[in-house]
Amino acid sequence: MYTYNNNYYTATMRETTERGALCGNAQADVCIIGAGLAGLSTAWELVSRGQSVVLLDAGRVAWGASGRNGGFVLQGWSEGLSSIERRCGKPTAAALFKLSLEGVDIVRDMITHHQFPGCTPTPGKLSVVRYEDGDNLQRMRDKMAADFDFHLEYLDRQAVREKLKTDRYFQALRDSHGFHFHPLNYCLGLALLIEGSGGKIHERSPMISVESRNGRHRVITDQGTVDCAHVVYCCGGYGGPEFGKLRRAFLPIATYAVLTEHLGDRLAEAVRTTDAVGDNRRASDYYRVVEGDRLLWGGRITTRNLQDEKRLGQLLTQDILDVYPQLRGIRIDKAWSGLMGYARHKMPHIGPLGQGLWTCTSFGGHGMNTAPIGGRVIAEAICGETDRYRLFDAYGLEWNGGPLGPAAAQTVYAGLKMMDMFQERRSQHRATHKN
């Protein structure tokens, strides 16, 4: 469970050495639990401010969702902006959107400034719709420009089909600010940077418990302890009951990805863009071209983590052929899964849990920009620089439903899929009669 699984990213990752487990007693200003993107980002923000940091992980650096996701670094949050506006008001929604853009810029700037190898950032993302919705997309484009000073490009059906050779898609919005990249290599580069600045990282060191007394904390593992002033929980979808009330506030949701064989000239029969692509369904297909002629394709979500590579390959091949039937006969080289931590409100848990106790987690579905800015916000709070974490006050630790939570989430997802299918079929019916 706690090792790197067989996927595209581990097959192409930069060299990394295994880090030793925590043994004995360590002292630090801050102990961070979880060495995924959130934990690494928080650690870097802290060590760059002169704080001493010990970072613990039950497995390896970025072995979970942080190192095996779609690799999209985009504006926004898992929760939609309109829902954020309704819950928090327009000024807070605008501030949160600005934070999400800052998160994109953090990742881009880190790659450029520190010359992280093997990240290969590629600009652009197409958000496509699977039914006729051009008027709404243009209204969204105009609203984003007017309310958030964020500019998206609208593509009509013809423009979309010049890039994506399928009748499944209608219109699209293009985000030129975002990009896609190799997330595992980014995390491995970040880990080396942290260690080069004095931070300590211990792998295979699961937290067992945290004892708090007189404003200080002791983090206990099976072989050692860390005495510190602050603890930051960055557990993601793999956190267990040892995380207490935090674990009861998110659901582990599984998502899946495959890597096709080298397609050569066949790729141009389907995809003629280097932009990442995602559709507008509740559990969308998302994909991008890697190594020039392979598709890295992800999609589907479940509350039960399927790990049968052959079955995953078959399921996602069906999804690929549903969009691009001209690729029939392609072979899947790798298939893998990952667990994301989702809160019921679909926003991350960023903020204080008690004196000197912090959380920076639950980035499910949209973590590659939001985890880095979450880490910065928490570091600013610990160092007394800002209280930007207060922007998340409306999003607390809502109960995840306990043992019934996964079943309820799966039922909701099934209903949303039915709505997606209905909208698609209605649009296709209209298009057929129009012609």
Protein backbone atom coordinates (compact mmCIF):
# COMPACT_ATOMS: atom_id res chain seq x y z
CA MET A 1 0.00 0.00 0.00
CA TYR A 2 2.76 2.43 0.84
CA THR A 3 4.96 2.02 -2.25
CA TYR A 4 4.97 3.67 -5.66
CA ASN A 5 2.55 1.84 -7.91
CA ASN A 6 3.18 0.99 -11.56
CA ASN A 7 2.08 3.98 -13.62
CA TYR A 8 3.31 6.42 -16.24
CA TYR A 9 4.76 8.81 -13.70
CA THR A 10 6.82 6.26 -11.78
CA ALA A 11 8.08 4.83 -15.08
CA THR A 12 9.33 8.31 -16.09
CA MET A 13 10.25 9.81 -12.71
CA ARG A 14 13.58 11.39 -11.93
CA GLU A 15 15.94 9.38 -9.77
CA THR A 16 15.01 9.36 -6.10
CA THR A 17 16.57 7.74 -3.06
CA GLU A 18 14.57 6.15 -0.31
CA ARG A 19 14.51 8.28 2.81
CA GLY A 20 14.94 6.70 6.21
CA ALA A 21 12.15 6.31 8.76
CA LEU A 22 12.07 8.57 11.81
CA CYS A 23 14.03 6.99 14.66
CA GLY A 24 14.36 8.53 18.11
CA ASN A 25 13.30 12.01 19.13
CA ALA A 26 13.40 15.02 16.81
CA GLN A 27 12.78 18.71 17.53
CA ALA A 28 11.24 21.18 15.08
CA ASP A 29 9.19 24.33 14.88
CA VAL A 30 6.65 22.48 12.72
CA CYS A 31 5.87 18.80 12.07
CA ILE A 32 3.95 18.13 8.86
CA ILE A 33 2.11 14.84 8.44
CA GLY A 34 1.86 13.74 4.82
CA ALA A 35 4.49 14.27 2.10
CA GLY A 36 2.15 14.75 -0.84
CA LEU A 37 1.90 18.05 -2.67
CA ALA A 38 0.13 19.79 0.23
CA GLY A 39 2.72 18.69 2.80
CA LEU A 40 5.67 19.43 0.54
CA SER A 41 4.29 22.85 -0.40
CA THR A 42 3.69 23.73 3.26
CA ALA A 43 7.17 22.53 4.19
CA TRP A 44 8.81 24.61 1.48
CA GLU A 45 6.89 27.73 2.41
CA LEU A 46 7.97 27.25 6.04
CA VAL A 47 11.66 26.45 5.51
CA SER A 48 11.94 29.38 3.11
CA ARG A 49 10.71 31.54 6.02
CA GLY A 50 13.37 30.18 8.35
CA GLN A 51 11.23 27.62 10.21
CA SER A 52 12.64 24.20 11.12
CA VAL A 53 10.46 21.43 9.68
CA VAL A 54 10.13 17.65 10.00
CA LEU A 55 7.94 16.08 7.32
CA LEU A 56 6.56 12.56 7.88
CA ASP A 57 4.89 10.17 5.46
CA ALA A 58 3.45 6.69 5.89
CA GLY A 59 4.82 5.74 2.46
CA ARG A 60 7.12 7.54 0.04
CA VAL A 61 7.18 11.17 -1.10
CA ALA A 62 4.11 11.81 -3.30
CA TRP A 63 3.29 8.10 -3.61
CA GLY A 64 -0.45 8.83 -3.30
CA ALA A 65 -2.73 10.98 -5.46
CA SER A 66 -0.15 13.80 -5.65
CA GLY A 67 2.15 11.71 -7.81
CA ARG A 68 -0.33 9.84 -10.02
CA ASN A 69 -3.04 12.31 -11.06
CA GLY A 70 -3.93 13.86 -14.42
CA GLY A 71 -1.25 16.53 -14.06
CA PHE A 72 -3.56 19.51 -14.70
CA VAL A 73 -2.61 22.81 -13.03
CA LEU A 74 -5.63 25.09 -13.47
CA GLN A 75 -7.49 28.00 -11.91
CA GLY A 76 -10.42 27.40 -9.58
CA TRP A 77 -11.46 24.87 -6.95
CA SER A 78 -13.36 21.60 -7.00
CA GLU A 79 -16.43 23.60 -6.00
CA GLY A 80 -17.75 25.87 -8.75
CA LEU A 81 -17.38 29.64 -8.49
CA SER A 82 -21.13 30.26 -8.60
CA SER A 83 -21.63 27.97 -5.59
CA ILE A 84 -18.78 29.69 -3.74
CA GLU A 85 -20.40 33.04 -4.49
CA ARG A 86 -23.74 31.89 -3.10
CA ARG A 87 -22.16 30.57 0.09
CA CYS A 88 -19.53 33.25 0.75
CA GLY A 89 -20.60 36.36 -1.19
CA LYS A 90 -18.95 37.93 -4.20
CA PRO A 91 -15.93 39.60 -2.46
CA THR A 92 -14.82 36.34 -0.79
CA ALA A 93 -15.45 34.36 -3.97
CA ALA A 94 -13.27 36.81 -5.90
CA ALA A 95 -10.53 36.55 -3.26
CA LEU A 96 -10.67 32.74 -3.35
CA PHE A 97 -10.47 32.75 -7.14
CA LYS A 98 -7.43 35.02 -6.94
CA LEU A 99 -5.86 32.55 -4.50
CA SER A 100 -6.44 29.73 -6.99
CA LEU A 101 -4.61 31.70 -9.69
CA GLU A 102 -1.75 32.31 -7.27
CA GLY A 103 -1.54 28.55 -6.80
CA VAL A 104 -1.05 28.04 -10.55
CA ASP A 105 1.64 30.71 -10.57
CA ILE A 106 3.44 29.12 -7.60
CA VAL A 107 3.91 25.84 -9.47
CA ARG A 108 4.94 27.50 -12.72
CA ASP A 109 7.39 29.83 -10.95
CA MET A 110 8.93 27.01 -8.90
CA ILE A 111 9.61 24.95 -12.02
CA THR A 112 11.16 27.94 -13.80
CA HIS A 113 13.14 29.40 -10.90
CA HIS A 114 14.52 26.14 -9.55
CA GLN A 115 14.83 24.35 -12.89
CA PHE A 116 13.05 21.18 -11.74
CA PRO A 117 13.95 18.45 -14.25
CA GLY A 118 11.38 16.25 -15.97
CA CYS A 119 8.31 18.40 -15.28
CA THR A 120 7.66 19.32 -18.94
CA PRO A 121 4.95 21.98 -18.40
CA THR A 122 2.72 22.41 -21.46
CA PRO A 123 0.28 25.36 -21.60
CA GLY A 124 -3.45 25.24 -22.30
CA LYS A 125 -6.60 23.39 -21.31
CA LEU A 126 -9.82 22.90 -23.27
CA SER A 127 -13.04 22.54 -21.26
CA VAL A 128 -15.45 20.92 -23.72
CA VAL A 129 -19.20 20.37 -23.45
CA ARG A 130 -20.93 17.20 -24.59
CA TYR A 131 -24.17 18.90 -25.57
CA GLU A 132 -25.18 22.11 -27.31
CA ASP A 133 -24.45 24.92 -24.83
CA GLY A 134 -22.70 27.68 -26.74
CA ASP A 135 -24.79 30.54 -25.32
CA ASN A 136 -24.09 29.54 -21.72
CA LEU A 137 -20.37 29.13 -22.38
CA GLN A 138 -20.18 32.60 -23.88
CA ARG A 139 -22.04 34.02 -20.88
CA MET A 140 -19.57 32.24 -18.60
CA ARG A 141 -16.65 33.66 -20.58
CA ASP A 142 -18.10 37.16 -20.25
CA LYS A 143 -18.81 36.75 -16.52
CA MET A 144 -15.28 35.52 -15.81
CA ALA A 145 -13.88 38.55 -17.62
CA ALA A 146 -16.23 41.06 -15.96
CA ASP A 147 -16.29 39.69 -12.40
CA PHE A 148 -12.86 38.09 -12.04
CA ASP A 149 -10.73 39.73 -14.76
CA PHE A 150 -9.96 36.25 -16.08
CA HIS A 151 -10.05 35.77 -19.81
CA LEU A 152 -11.09 32.56 -21.53
CA GLU A 153 -11.28 31.89 -25.27
CA TYR A 154 -14.57 30.60 -26.70
CA LEU A 155 -14.41 27.90 -29.39
CA ASP A 156 -17.46 27.07 -31.47
CA ARG A 157 -18.26 23.57 -32.68
CA GLN A 158 -16.18 23.84 -35.85
CA ALA A 159 -13.15 25.15 -33.97
CA VAL A 160 -13.43 22.33 -31.41
CA ARG A 161 -13.62 19.68 -34.13
CA GLU A 162 -10.50 20.99 -35.82
CA LYS A 163 -8.64 20.07 -32.62
CA LEU A 164 -10.67 17.06 -31.43
CA LYS A 165 -12.00 14.71 -34.10
CA THR A 166 -15.21 13.56 -32.43
CA ASP A 167 -18.93 14.21 -32.65
CA ARG A 168 -19.21 13.92 -28.85
CA TYR A 169 -18.09 17.51 -28.28
CA PHE A 170 -19.85 20.74 -29.13
CA GLN A 171 -18.29 23.97 -27.83
CA ALA A 172 -15.37 24.72 -25.51
CA LEU A 173 -13.62 27.34 -23.40
CA ARG A 174 -9.83 27.48 -23.53
CA ASP A 175 -7.77 28.41 -20.48
CA SER A 176 -4.35 29.69 -21.58
CA HIS A 177 -3.23 30.48 -18.01
CA GLY A 178 -3.23 26.85 -16.89
CA PHE A 179 -0.91 24.05 -17.96
CA HIS A 180 -0.27 20.34 -17.56
CA PHE A 181 2.91 18.64 -16.35
CA HIS A 182 4.58 15.68 -14.60
CA PRO A 183 3.33 15.98 -10.98
CA LEU A 184 5.57 13.32 -9.45
CA ASN A 185 8.76 14.91 -10.77
CA TYR A 186 7.56 18.25 -9.43
CA CYS A 187 7.04 16.77 -5.97
CA LEU A 188 10.42 15.01 -6.04
CA GLY A 189 12.09 18.29 -7.02
CA LEU A 190 10.32 20.05 -4.20
CA ALA A 191 11.46 17.40 -1.70
CA LEU A 192 15.11 17.88 -2.66
CA LEU A 193 14.71 21.64 -2.40
CA ILE A 194 13.26 21.32 1.11
CA GLU A 195 16.11 19.07 2.23
CA GLY A 196 18.66 21.41 0.67
CA SER A 197 17.20 24.19 2.81
CA GLY A 198 17.46 22.20 6.05
CA GLY A 199 14.09 20.46 6.19
CA LYS A 200 13.92 16.81 7.26
CA ILE A 201 11.78 14.24 5.41
CA HIS A 202 11.11 10.76 6.79
CA GLU A 203 9.39 8.11 4.70
CA ARG A 204 7.65 4.98 6.03
CA SER A 205 6.89 6.87 9.23
CA PRO A 206 3.13 6.77 9.77
CA MET A 207 1.80 9.02 12.50
CA ILE A 208 0.20 6.99 15.29
CA SER A 209 -1.01 9.84 17.49
CA VAL A 210 -0.42 13.44 18.51
CA GLU A 211 -0.17 14.45 22.18
CA SER A 212 -0.70 18.11 23.05
CA ARG A 213 0.31 19.75 26.34
CA ASN A 214 1.04 23.33 27.43
CA GLY A 215 0.95 24.71 23.89
CA ARG A 216 3.43 22.11 22.59
CA HIS A 217 2.84 18.93 20.62
CA ARG A 218 4.44 15.53 20.34
CA VAL A 219 3.90 13.54 17.15
CA ILE A 220 4.37 9.83 17.76
CA THR A 221 5.38 7.23 15.16
CA ASP A 222 6.21 3.57 15.72
CA GLN A 223 9.94 4.32 16.02
CA GLY A 224 10.21 7.94 17.07
CA THR A 225 8.67 11.25 18.13
CA VAL A 226 8.74 14.87 17.01
CA ASP A 227 8.40 17.65 19.60
CA CYS A 228 7.12 20.83 17.98
CA ALA A 229 5.13 24.05 18.36
CA HIS A 230 2.88 23.37 15.35
CA VAL A 231 1.46 20.31 13.59
CA VAL A 232 0.01 20.49 10.07
CA TYR A 233 -2.18 17.59 8.87
CA CYS A 234 -1.84 16.98 5.12
CA CYS A 235 -3.27 13.48 4.95
CA GLY A 236 -5.22 13.43 1.65
CA GLY A 237 -7.47 10.53 0.70
CA TYR A 238 -5.25 7.97 2.41
CA GLY A 239 -5.68 9.34 5.95
CA GLY A 240 -6.98 6.85 8.49
CA PRO A 241 -8.79 6.97 11.86
CA GLU A 242 -5.67 8.34 13.55
CA PHE A 243 -6.67 11.70 12.04
CA GLY A 244 -9.79 11.80 14.26
CA LYS A 245 -12.38 14.45 13.47
CA LEU A 246 -10.52 15.45 10.32
CA ARG A 247 -10.89 11.92 8.89
CA ARG A 248 -14.61 12.09 9.65
CA ALA A 249 -14.87 15.23 7.48
CA PHE A 250 -13.77 13.86 4.12
CA LEU A 251 -14.47 10.89 1.88
CA PRO A 252 -11.78 8.95 0.03
CA ILE A 253 -12.89 8.96 -3.61
CA ALA A 254 -11.09 6.82 -6.20
CA THR A 255 -10.33 7.95 -9.73
CA TYR A 256 -8.65 6.05 -12.54
CA ALA A 257 -6.16 6.60 -15.35
CA VAL A 258 -4.56 4.71 -18.24
CA LEU A 259 -1.67 5.25 -20.61
CA THR A 260 -2.09 4.11 -24.20
CA GLU A 261 0.57 2.56 -26.37
CA HIS A 262 2.50 4.85 -28.73
CA LEU A 263 -0.10 5.78 -31.33
CA GLY A 264 2.16 7.32 -33.96
CA ASP A 265 0.21 8.83 -36.86
CA ARG A 266 -3.05 7.42 -35.47
CA LEU A 267 -3.12 10.10 -32.77
CA ALA A 268 -3.83 12.82 -35.36
CA GLU A 269 -6.97 10.92 -36.38
CA ALA A 270 -8.37 11.85 -32.97
CA VAL A 271 -6.44 14.58 -31.13
CA ARG A 272 -4.73 17.52 -32.82
CA THR A 273 -3.80 19.72 -29.88
CA THR A 274 -1.25 19.77 -27.09
CA ASP A 275 -3.86 21.28 -24.75
CA ALA A 276 -5.16 19.16 -21.90
CA VAL A 277 -8.85 18.28 -22.33
CA GLY A 278 -11.69 17.78 -19.88
CA ASP A 279 -15.44 17.58 -20.43
CA ASN A 280 -18.28 19.13 -18.44
CA ARG A 281 -19.76 16.00 -16.88
CA ARG A 282 -19.85 15.44 -13.14
CA ALA A 283 -17.18 12.74 -13.42
CA SER A 284 -15.52 13.88 -16.59
CA ASP A 285 -13.07 12.30 -18.96
CA TYR A 286 -9.77 14.16 -18.73
CA TYR A 287 -6.78 13.51 -20.92
CA ARG A 288 -3.65 14.87 -22.51
CA VAL A 289 -0.92 13.88 -24.92
CA VAL A 290 2.35 12.68 -23.38
CA GLU A 291 5.59 11.63 -25.08
CA GLY A 292 4.30 13.10 -28.32
CA ASP A 293 1.94 10.30 -29.35
CA ARG A 294 0.39 8.65 -26.28
CA LEU A 295 -2.81 9.50 -24.47
CA LEU A 296 -2.86 9.71 -20.69
CA TRP A 297 -6.59 9.31 -20.07
CA GLY A 298 -8.40 9.53 -16.75
CA GLY A 299 -11.97 9.42 -15.55
CA ARG A 300 -14.69 7.70 -13.55
CA ILE A 301 -14.99 8.05 -9.80
CA THR A 302 -16.05 5.47 -7.24
CA THR A 303 -16.06 5.16 -3.48
CA ARG A 304 -14.50 1.71 -3.82
CA ASN A 305 -10.91 1.65 -5.07
CA LEU A 306 -10.74 -0.78 -8.01
CA GLN A 307 -7.16 -2.00 -8.47
CA ASP A 308 -7.52 -4.68 -11.16
CA GLU A 309 -5.30 -3.20 -13.90
CA LYS A 310 -6.82 -5.34 -16.66
CA ARG A 311 -10.38 -4.36 -15.69
CA LEU A 312 -9.41 -0.68 -15.39
CA GLY A 313 -7.83 -0.84 -18.83
CA GLN A 314 -11.01 -2.30 -20.30
CA LEU A 315 -13.28 0.26 -18.63
CA LEU A 316 -11.26 3.28 -19.71
CA THR A 317 -10.71 1.89 -23.19
CA GLN A 318 -14.52 1.91 -23.50
CA ASP A 319 -14.50 5.57 -22.47
CA ILE A 320 -11.81 6.42 -25.04
CA LEU A 321 -13.65 4.62 -27.85
CA ASP A 322 -16.94 6.27 -26.87
CA VAL A 323 -15.30 9.58 -27.78
CA TYR A 324 -12.87 8.40 -30.45
CA PRO A 325 -14.19 5.23 -32.14
CA GLN A 326 -11.52 5.66 -34.83
CA LEU A 327 -8.95 4.49 -32.25
CA ARG A 328 -10.48 1.01 -32.03
CA GLY A 329 -7.86 -1.66 -31.41
CA ILE A 330 -5.51 0.49 -29.32
CA ARG A 331 -3.58 -1.17 -26.52
CA ILE A 332 -3.34 0.09 -22.94
CA ASP A 333 0.20 -0.05 -21.56
CA LYS A 334 -0.51 1.00 -17.96
CA ALA A 335 -3.59 1.42 -15.76
CA TRP A 336 -3.73 2.76 -12.20
CA SER A 337 -5.95 4.28 -9.53
CA GLY A 338 -5.61 6.90 -6.81
CA LEU A 339 -7.58 8.07 -3.77
CA MET A 340 -8.57 11.72 -3.42
CA GLY A 341 -9.85 13.31 -0.22
CA TYR A 342 -13.18 15.06 -0.86
CA ALA A 343 -15.11 17.16 1.65
CA ARG A 344 -18.90 17.24 1.28
CA HIS A 345 -18.69 20.94 0.42
CA LYS A 346 -15.99 20.16 -2.22
CA MET A 347 -13.62 22.76 -0.79
CA PRO A 348 -10.34 22.00 0.99
CA HIS A 349 -9.89 22.03 4.73
CA ILE A 350 -7.45 24.90 5.26
CA GLY A 351 -7.16 26.46 8.69
CA PRO A 352 -6.70 25.89 12.44
CA LEU A 353 -7.93 22.82 14.34
CA GLY A 354 -6.75 24.05 17.74
CA GLN A 355 -3.79 25.85 19.28
CA GLY A 356 -0.82 25.06 17.07
CA LEU A 357 -2.81 22.45 15.10
CA TRP A 358 -3.56 23.06 11.42
CA THR A 359 -5.10 21.28 8.47
CA CYS A 360 -4.23 21.59 4.79
CA THR A 361 -6.02 18.75 3.05
CA SER A 362 -9.11 17.56 1.10
CA PHE A 363 -8.02 18.91 -2.29
CA GLY A 364 -9.84 16.15 -4.21
CA GLY A 365 -10.20 16.65 -7.94
CA HIS A 366 -8.41 20.01 -8.13
CA GLY A 367 -5.28 19.84 -6.01
CA MET A 368 -2.36 20.80 -8.22
CA ASN A 369 -2.99 24.53 -7.82
CA THR A 370 -4.93 24.56 -4.55
CA ALA A 371 -2.52 22.49 -2.44
CA PRO A 372 0.41 24.84 -3.15
CA ILE A 373 -1.59 27.94 -2.24
CA GLY A 374 -3.01 26.11 0.78
CA GLY A 375 0.52 25.44 1.96
CA ARG A 376 1.43 29.09 1.54
CA VAL A 377 -1.65 30.29 3.44
CA ILE A 378 -0.90 27.95 6.37
CA ALA A 379 2.77 29.00 6.43
CA GLU A 380 1.73 32.65 6.49
CA ALA A 381 -0.58 31.97 9.44
CA ILE A 382 2.07 30.06 11.43
CA CYS A 383 4.60 32.85 10.83
CA GLY A 384 2.08 35.57 11.73
CA GLU A 385 2.16 37.18 8.29
CA THR A 386 -1.49 37.03 7.19
CA ASP A 387 -4.83 35.54 8.16
CA ARG A 388 -5.77 34.58 4.60
CA TYR A 389 -6.92 31.20 5.95
CA ARG A 390 -10.03 33.05 7.15
CA LEU A 391 -11.23 33.05 3.54
CA PHE A 392 -12.12 29.39 4.16
CA ASP A 393 -14.17 30.03 7.32
CA ALA A 394 -17.40 29.01 5.57
CA TYR A 395 -15.94 25.56 4.84
CA GLY A 396 -15.46 23.68 8.08
CA LEU A 397 -15.33 20.04 9.08
CA GLU A 398 -18.75 18.85 7.94
CA TRP A 399 -19.47 15.22 8.85
CA ASN A 400 -18.90 12.89 5.89
CA GLY A 401 -21.83 10.61 6.74
CA GLY A 402 -19.81 7.96 8.57
CA PRO A 403 -20.21 4.37 7.34
CA LEU A 404 -23.11 5.42 5.09
CA GLY A 405 -21.11 8.25 3.50
CA PRO A 406 -19.53 6.25 0.63
CA ALA A 407 -22.85 4.64 -0.32
CA ALA A 408 -24.61 8.01 -0.27
CA ALA A 409 -21.85 9.57 -2.39
CA GLN A 410 -22.05 6.73 -4.91
CA THR A 411 -25.85 7.14 -5.13
CA VAL A 412 -25.51 10.89 -5.73
CA TYR A 413 -22.88 10.23 -8.39
CA ALA A 414 -25.15 7.70 -10.15
CA GLY A 415 -27.95 10.28 -10.22
CA LEU A 416 -25.65 12.95 -11.64
CA LYS A 417 -24.50 10.54 -14.35
CA MET A 418 -28.13 10.00 -15.33
CA MET A 419 -28.59 13.78 -15.62
CA ASP A 420 -25.49 13.99 -17.83
CA MET A 421 -26.80 11.22 -20.10
CA PHE A 422 -30.20 12.90 -20.36
CA GLN A 423 -28.65 16.24 -21.37
CA GLU A 424 -26.40 14.59 -23.96
CA ARG A 425 -29.22 12.57 -25.53
CA ARG A 426 -31.53 15.55 -25.64
CA SER A 427 -28.85 17.59 -27.40
CA GLN A 428 -28.11 14.80 -29.87
CA HIS A 429 -31.83 14.42 -30.56
CA ARG A 430 -32.13 18.13 -31.29
CA ALA A 431 -29.06 18.04 -33.54
CA THR A 432 -30.47 15.08 -35.50
CA HIS A 433 -33.82 16.81 -36.10
CA LYS A 434 -32.10 20.06 -36.97
CA ASN A 435 -30.15 18.31 -39.69
